[in-house]
Amino acid sequence: MKPIISAILLLVCACMTPTGCGDYEHNGPPTIVLGESMCAECGMMLSDERFATVTVYDGPRGADPVLFDDFNCQAIYESEHQEEPIVARWSHDYLTIQWIPTEQAFFVTSQKIHSPMGAQIAAFATRSGAESFDDEQPPEPMDHTEMTKLILGE
């Protein structure tokens, strides 16, 4: 075989080799692209990073991040897929837009919160951040379990 043909075949094979799941790091939250990443529950494009969440499942090929446009969609999706083992959950802090582990977040509902699905729920990294969100009507922060139960009507 001619060297040029061998080089072309090698290049084509290298380009076709799977390299994994994009920018996802197994020890942290995935990269989302606003306007391109889609919510697994409702099908809407993720449009507001303050509300974007992710559940990382232990899939057949390793960690499998599933994106949501708000916590409401995440809770509903998880309730419908209880058989799938969860590796991690991530939410954005409403104030800083930084990823935070969902189980450590403090959740608040308020009419001042305009989330994509209208659930009026935001996550905060600290209790004080959650408590100080609404000066007129100080909210009572909830943990992940309490907020999930509220959403699911349990």
C-alpha atoms as a PDB file:
ATOM      1  CA  MET A   1       0.000   0.000   0.000  1.00  0.00           C
ATOM      2  CA  LYS A   2       1.289   3.457  -0.861  1.00  0.00           C
ATOM      3  CA  PRO A   3       2.396   5.593   2.123  1.00  0.00           C
ATOM      4  CA  ILE A   4      -0.061   8.398   1.280  1.00  0.00           C
ATOM      5  CA  ILE A   5      -3.030   5.995   1.266  1.00  0.00           C
ATOM      6  CA  SER A   6      -1.889   4.475   4.565  1.00  0.00           C
ATOM      7  CA  ALA A   7      -1.661   7.947   6.126  1.00  0.00           C
ATOM      8  CA  ILE A   8      -5.155   8.874   4.892  1.00  0.00           C
ATOM      9  CA  LEU A   9      -6.641   5.624   6.212  1.00  0.00           C
ATOM     10  CA  LEU A  10      -4.969   6.151   9.572  1.00  0.00           C
ATOM     11  CA  LEU A  11      -6.347   9.702   9.765  1.00  0.00           C
ATOM     12  CA  VAL A  12      -9.877   8.541   8.855  1.00  0.00           C
ATOM     13  CA  CYS A  13      -9.776   5.774  11.483  1.00  0.00           C
ATOM     14  CA  ALA A  14      -8.544   8.212  14.128  1.00  0.00           C
ATOM     15  CA  CYS A  15     -11.385  10.618  13.359  1.00  0.00           C
ATOM     16  CA  MET A  16     -13.967   7.847  13.654  1.00  0.00           C
ATOM     17  CA  THR A  17     -12.743   6.577  17.026  1.00  0.00           C
ATOM     18  CA  PRO A  18     -15.186   7.493  19.810  1.00  0.00           C
ATOM     19  CA  THR A  19     -13.664   9.798  22.390  1.00  0.00           C
ATOM     20  CA  GLY A  20     -16.303   9.661  25.105  1.00  0.00           C
ATOM     21  CA  CYS A  21     -19.084  12.030  26.157  1.00  0.00           C
ATOM     22  CA  GLY A  22     -17.914  15.480  25.136  1.00  0.00           C
ATOM     23  CA  ASP A  23     -16.577  17.772  27.830  1.00  0.00           C
ATOM     24  CA  TYR A  24     -17.983  15.829  30.770  1.00  0.00           C
ATOM     25  CA  GLU A  25     -15.578  15.293  33.668  1.00  0.00           C
ATOM     26  CA  HIS A  26     -16.653  12.325  35.775  1.00  0.00           C
ATOM     27  CA  ASN A  27     -15.903  14.099  39.056  1.00  0.00           C
ATOM     28  CA  GLY A  28     -17.899  17.278  38.374  1.00  0.00           C
ATOM     29  CA  PRO A  29     -20.819  18.775  36.519  1.00  0.00           C
ATOM     30  CA  PRO A  30     -21.024  18.651  32.716  1.00  0.00           C
ATOM     31  CA  THR A  31     -20.676  21.548  30.337  1.00  0.00           C
ATOM     32  CA  ILE A  32     -23.980  22.932  29.118  1.00  0.00           C
ATOM     33  CA  VAL A  33     -24.545  25.092  26.076  1.00  0.00           C
ATOM     34  CA  LEU A  34     -27.426  27.524  26.486  1.00  0.00           C
ATOM     35  CA  GLY A  35     -29.689  27.452  23.454  1.00  0.00           C
ATOM     36  CA  GLU A  36     -28.339  24.038  22.384  1.00  0.00           C
ATOM     37  CA  SER A  37     -28.534  21.702  25.396  1.00  0.00           C
ATOM     38  CA  MET A  38     -32.000  20.226  25.823  1.00  0.00           C
ATOM     39  CA  CYS A  39     -34.020  19.323  28.925  1.00  0.00           C
ATOM     40  CA  ALA A  40     -34.514  15.550  29.135  1.00  0.00           C
ATOM     41  CA  GLU A  41     -37.959  15.935  30.751  1.00  0.00           C
ATOM     42  CA  CYS A  42     -39.786  18.665  28.809  1.00  0.00           C
ATOM     43  CA  GLY A  43     -37.651  18.983  25.671  1.00  0.00           C
ATOM     44  CA  MET A  44     -37.065  22.738  26.046  1.00  0.00           C
ATOM     45  CA  MET A  45     -33.670  24.215  25.260  1.00  0.00           C
ATOM     46  CA  LEU A  46     -31.752  25.313  28.348  1.00  0.00           C
ATOM     47  CA  SER A  47     -32.037  29.084  28.292  1.00  0.00           C
ATOM     48  CA  ASP A  48     -31.274  30.320  31.814  1.00  0.00           C
ATOM     49  CA  GLU A  49     -28.195  28.955  33.528  1.00  0.00           C
ATOM     50  CA  ARG A  50     -29.466  29.939  36.994  1.00  0.00           C
ATOM     51  CA  PHE A  51     -32.016  27.116  36.826  1.00  0.00           C
ATOM     52  CA  ALA A  52     -30.163  24.411  34.864  1.00  0.00           C
ATOM     53  CA  THR A  53     -29.664  21.149  36.766  1.00  0.00           C
ATOM     54  CA  VAL A  54     -28.173  17.758  36.004  1.00  0.00           C
ATOM     55  CA  THR A  55     -28.543  14.219  37.269  1.00  0.00           C
ATOM     56  CA  VAL A  56     -25.600  11.937  36.534  1.00  0.00           C
ATOM     57  CA  TYR A  57     -26.667   8.315  36.138  1.00  0.00           C
ATOM     58  CA  ASP A  58     -24.485   5.224  36.124  1.00  0.00           C
ATOM     59  CA  GLY A  59     -25.135   4.246  32.512  1.00  0.00           C
ATOM     60  CA  PRO A  60     -24.032   1.156  30.596  1.00  0.00           C
ATOM     61  CA  ARG A  61     -20.950   3.026  29.315  1.00  0.00           C
ATOM     62  CA  GLY A  62     -20.166   4.888  32.535  1.00  0.00           C
ATOM     63  CA  ALA A  63     -21.353   8.195  33.925  1.00  0.00           C
ATOM     64  CA  ASP A  64     -24.275   9.576  31.912  1.00  0.00           C
ATOM     65  CA  PRO A  65     -25.239  13.223  32.632  1.00  0.00           C
ATOM     66  CA  VAL A  66     -28.903  14.108  31.995  1.00  0.00           C
ATOM     67  CA  LEU A  67     -29.695  17.832  31.746  1.00  0.00           C
ATOM     68  CA  PHE A  68     -32.798  19.724  32.892  1.00  0.00           C
ATOM     69  CA  ASP A  69     -33.959  23.310  32.471  1.00  0.00           C
ATOM     70  CA  ASP A  70     -35.121  23.522  36.090  1.00  0.00           C
ATOM     71  CA  PHE A  71     -35.341  21.570  39.335  1.00  0.00           C
ATOM     72  CA  ASN A  72     -39.010  20.773  38.753  1.00  0.00           C
ATOM     73  CA  CYS A  73     -38.176  18.815  35.572  1.00  0.00           C
ATOM     74  CA  GLN A  74     -35.301  17.055  37.331  1.00  0.00           C
ATOM     75  CA  ALA A  75     -37.513  15.872  40.212  1.00  0.00           C
ATOM     76  CA  ILE A  76     -40.231  14.597  37.864  1.00  0.00           C
ATOM     77  CA  TYR A  77     -37.731  12.805  35.601  1.00  0.00           C
ATOM     78  CA  GLU A  78     -36.018  11.136  38.556  1.00  0.00           C
ATOM     79  CA  SER A  79     -39.369   9.935  39.941  1.00  0.00           C
ATOM     80  CA  GLU A  80     -40.101   8.321  36.569  1.00  0.00           C
ATOM     81  CA  HIS A  81     -36.647   6.666  36.359  1.00  0.00           C
ATOM     82  CA  GLN A  82     -36.169   5.364  39.899  1.00  0.00           C
ATOM     83  CA  GLU A  83     -34.559   2.134  38.693  1.00  0.00           C
ATOM     84  CA  GLU A  84     -31.532   3.998  37.301  1.00  0.00           C
ATOM     85  CA  PRO A  85     -28.635   4.415  39.770  1.00  0.00           C
ATOM     86  CA  ILE A  86     -27.734   8.063  40.415  1.00  0.00           C
ATOM     87  CA  VAL A  87     -24.056   8.978  40.718  1.00  0.00           C
ATOM     88  CA  ALA A  88     -24.440  12.718  41.386  1.00  0.00           C
ATOM     89  CA  ARG A  89     -26.776  15.696  41.115  1.00  0.00           C
ATOM     90  CA  TRP A  90     -25.814  19.286  40.334  1.00  0.00           C
ATOM     91  CA  SER A  91     -27.724  22.574  40.465  1.00  0.00           C
ATOM     92  CA  HIS A  92     -26.721  26.178  39.874  1.00  0.00           C
ATOM     93  CA  ASP A  93     -26.607  28.666  42.698  1.00  0.00           C
ATOM     94  CA  TYR A  94     -29.179  31.308  41.772  1.00  0.00           C
ATOM     95  CA  LEU A  95     -26.953  34.166  42.953  1.00  0.00           C
ATOM     96  CA  THR A  96     -23.543  33.169  41.576  1.00  0.00           C
ATOM     97  CA  ILE A  97     -24.526  30.745  38.774  1.00  0.00           C
ATOM     98  CA  GLN A  98     -21.842  28.347  40.053  1.00  0.00           C
ATOM     99  CA  TRP A  99     -22.505  24.592  40.063  1.00  0.00           C
ATOM    100  CA  ILE A 100     -23.267  23.206  43.524  1.00  0.00           C
ATOM    101  CA  PRO A 101     -24.028  19.637  44.641  1.00  0.00           C
ATOM    102  CA  THR A 102     -27.830  19.460  44.717  1.00  0.00           C
ATOM    103  CA  GLU A 103     -27.902  17.566  48.017  1.00  0.00           C
ATOM    104  CA  GLN A 104     -26.092  20.501  49.675  1.00  0.00           C
ATOM    105  CA  ALA A 105     -28.339  23.194  48.153  1.00  0.00           C
ATOM    106  CA  PHE A 106     -31.061  25.199  49.859  1.00  0.00           C
ATOM    107  CA  PHE A 107     -34.214  25.574  47.749  1.00  0.00           C
ATOM    108  CA  VAL A 108     -36.679  28.444  47.817  1.00  0.00           C
ATOM    109  CA  THR A 109     -40.017  29.061  46.133  1.00  0.00           C
ATOM    110  CA  SER A 110     -41.061  32.635  45.459  1.00  0.00           C
ATOM    111  CA  GLN A 111     -43.250  34.556  43.044  1.00  0.00           C
ATOM    112  CA  LYS A 112     -40.150  36.657  42.321  1.00  0.00           C
ATOM    113  CA  ILE A 113     -38.444  33.620  40.748  1.00  0.00           C
ATOM    114  CA  HIS A 114     -39.225  33.268  37.041  1.00  0.00           C
ATOM    115  CA  SER A 115     -37.935  29.790  36.203  1.00  0.00           C
ATOM    116  CA  PRO A 116     -38.305  28.273  32.720  1.00  0.00           C
ATOM    117  CA  MET A 117     -41.178  25.932  33.647  1.00  0.00           C
ATOM    118  CA  GLY A 118     -42.864  28.371  36.012  1.00  0.00           C
ATOM    119  CA  ALA A 119     -42.148  26.300  39.118  1.00  0.00           C
ATOM    120  CA  GLN A 120     -40.738  29.398  40.861  1.00  0.00           C
ATOM    121  CA  ILE A 121     -37.929  27.371  42.470  1.00  0.00           C
ATOM    122  CA  ALA A 122     -34.295  28.416  42.859  1.00  0.00           C
ATOM    123  CA  ALA A 123     -31.298  26.733  44.474  1.00  0.00           C
ATOM    124  CA  PHE A 124     -28.816  28.515  46.712  1.00  0.00           C
ATOM    125  CA  ALA A 125     -25.392  27.416  47.931  1.00  0.00           C
ATOM    126  CA  THR A 126     -25.987  28.783  51.435  1.00  0.00           C
ATOM    127  CA  ARG A 127     -28.911  28.998  53.816  1.00  0.00           C
ATOM    128  CA  SER A 128     -28.242  32.716  54.322  1.00  0.00           C
ATOM    129  CA  GLY A 129     -28.369  33.324  50.566  1.00  0.00           C
ATOM    130  CA  ALA A 130     -31.709  31.526  50.372  1.00  0.00           C
ATOM    131  CA  GLU A 131     -33.138  33.302  53.408  1.00  0.00           C
ATOM    132  CA  SER A 132     -32.150  36.758  52.181  1.00  0.00           C
ATOM    133  CA  PHE A 133     -33.518  36.276  48.673  1.00  0.00           C
ATOM    134  CA  ASP A 134     -36.885  37.943  49.301  1.00  0.00           C
ATOM    135  CA  ASP A 135     -36.851  40.824  51.792  1.00  0.00           C
ATOM    136  CA  GLU A 136     -40.626  41.348  51.654  1.00  0.00           C
ATOM    137  CA  GLN A 137     -41.500  37.743  52.338  1.00  0.00           C
ATOM    138  CA  PRO A 138     -38.497  35.856  53.772  1.00  0.00           C
ATOM    139  CA  PRO A 139     -38.625  32.306  52.417  1.00  0.00           C
ATOM    140  CA  GLU A 140     -38.184  29.128  54.427  1.00  0.00           C
ATOM    141  CA  PRO A 141     -35.374  27.226  52.660  1.00  0.00           C
ATOM    142  CA  MET A 142     -35.883  23.525  51.974  1.00  0.00           C
ATOM    143  CA  ASP A 143     -33.352  20.810  51.340  1.00  0.00           C
ATOM    144  CA  HIS A 144     -33.323  18.590  48.252  1.00  0.00           C
ATOM    145  CA  THR A 145     -35.579  15.928  49.759  1.00  0.00           C
ATOM    146  CA  GLU A 146     -38.169  18.404  51.082  1.00  0.00           C
ATOM    147  CA  MET A 147     -38.380  20.268  47.773  1.00  0.00           C
ATOM    148  CA  THR A 148     -38.682  17.033  45.791  1.00  0.00           C
ATOM    149  CA  LYS A 149     -41.561  15.898  47.998  1.00  0.00           C
ATOM    150  CA  LEU A 150     -43.281  19.269  47.546  1.00  0.00           C
ATOM    151  CA  ILE A 151     -42.982  19.049  43.736  1.00  0.00           C
ATOM    152  CA  LEU A 152     -44.242  15.471  43.614  1.00  0.00           C
ATOM    153  CA  GLY A 153     -47.068  16.147  46.066  1.00  0.00           C
ATOM    154  CA  GLU A 154     -45.838  13.625  48.623  1.00  0.00           C
END
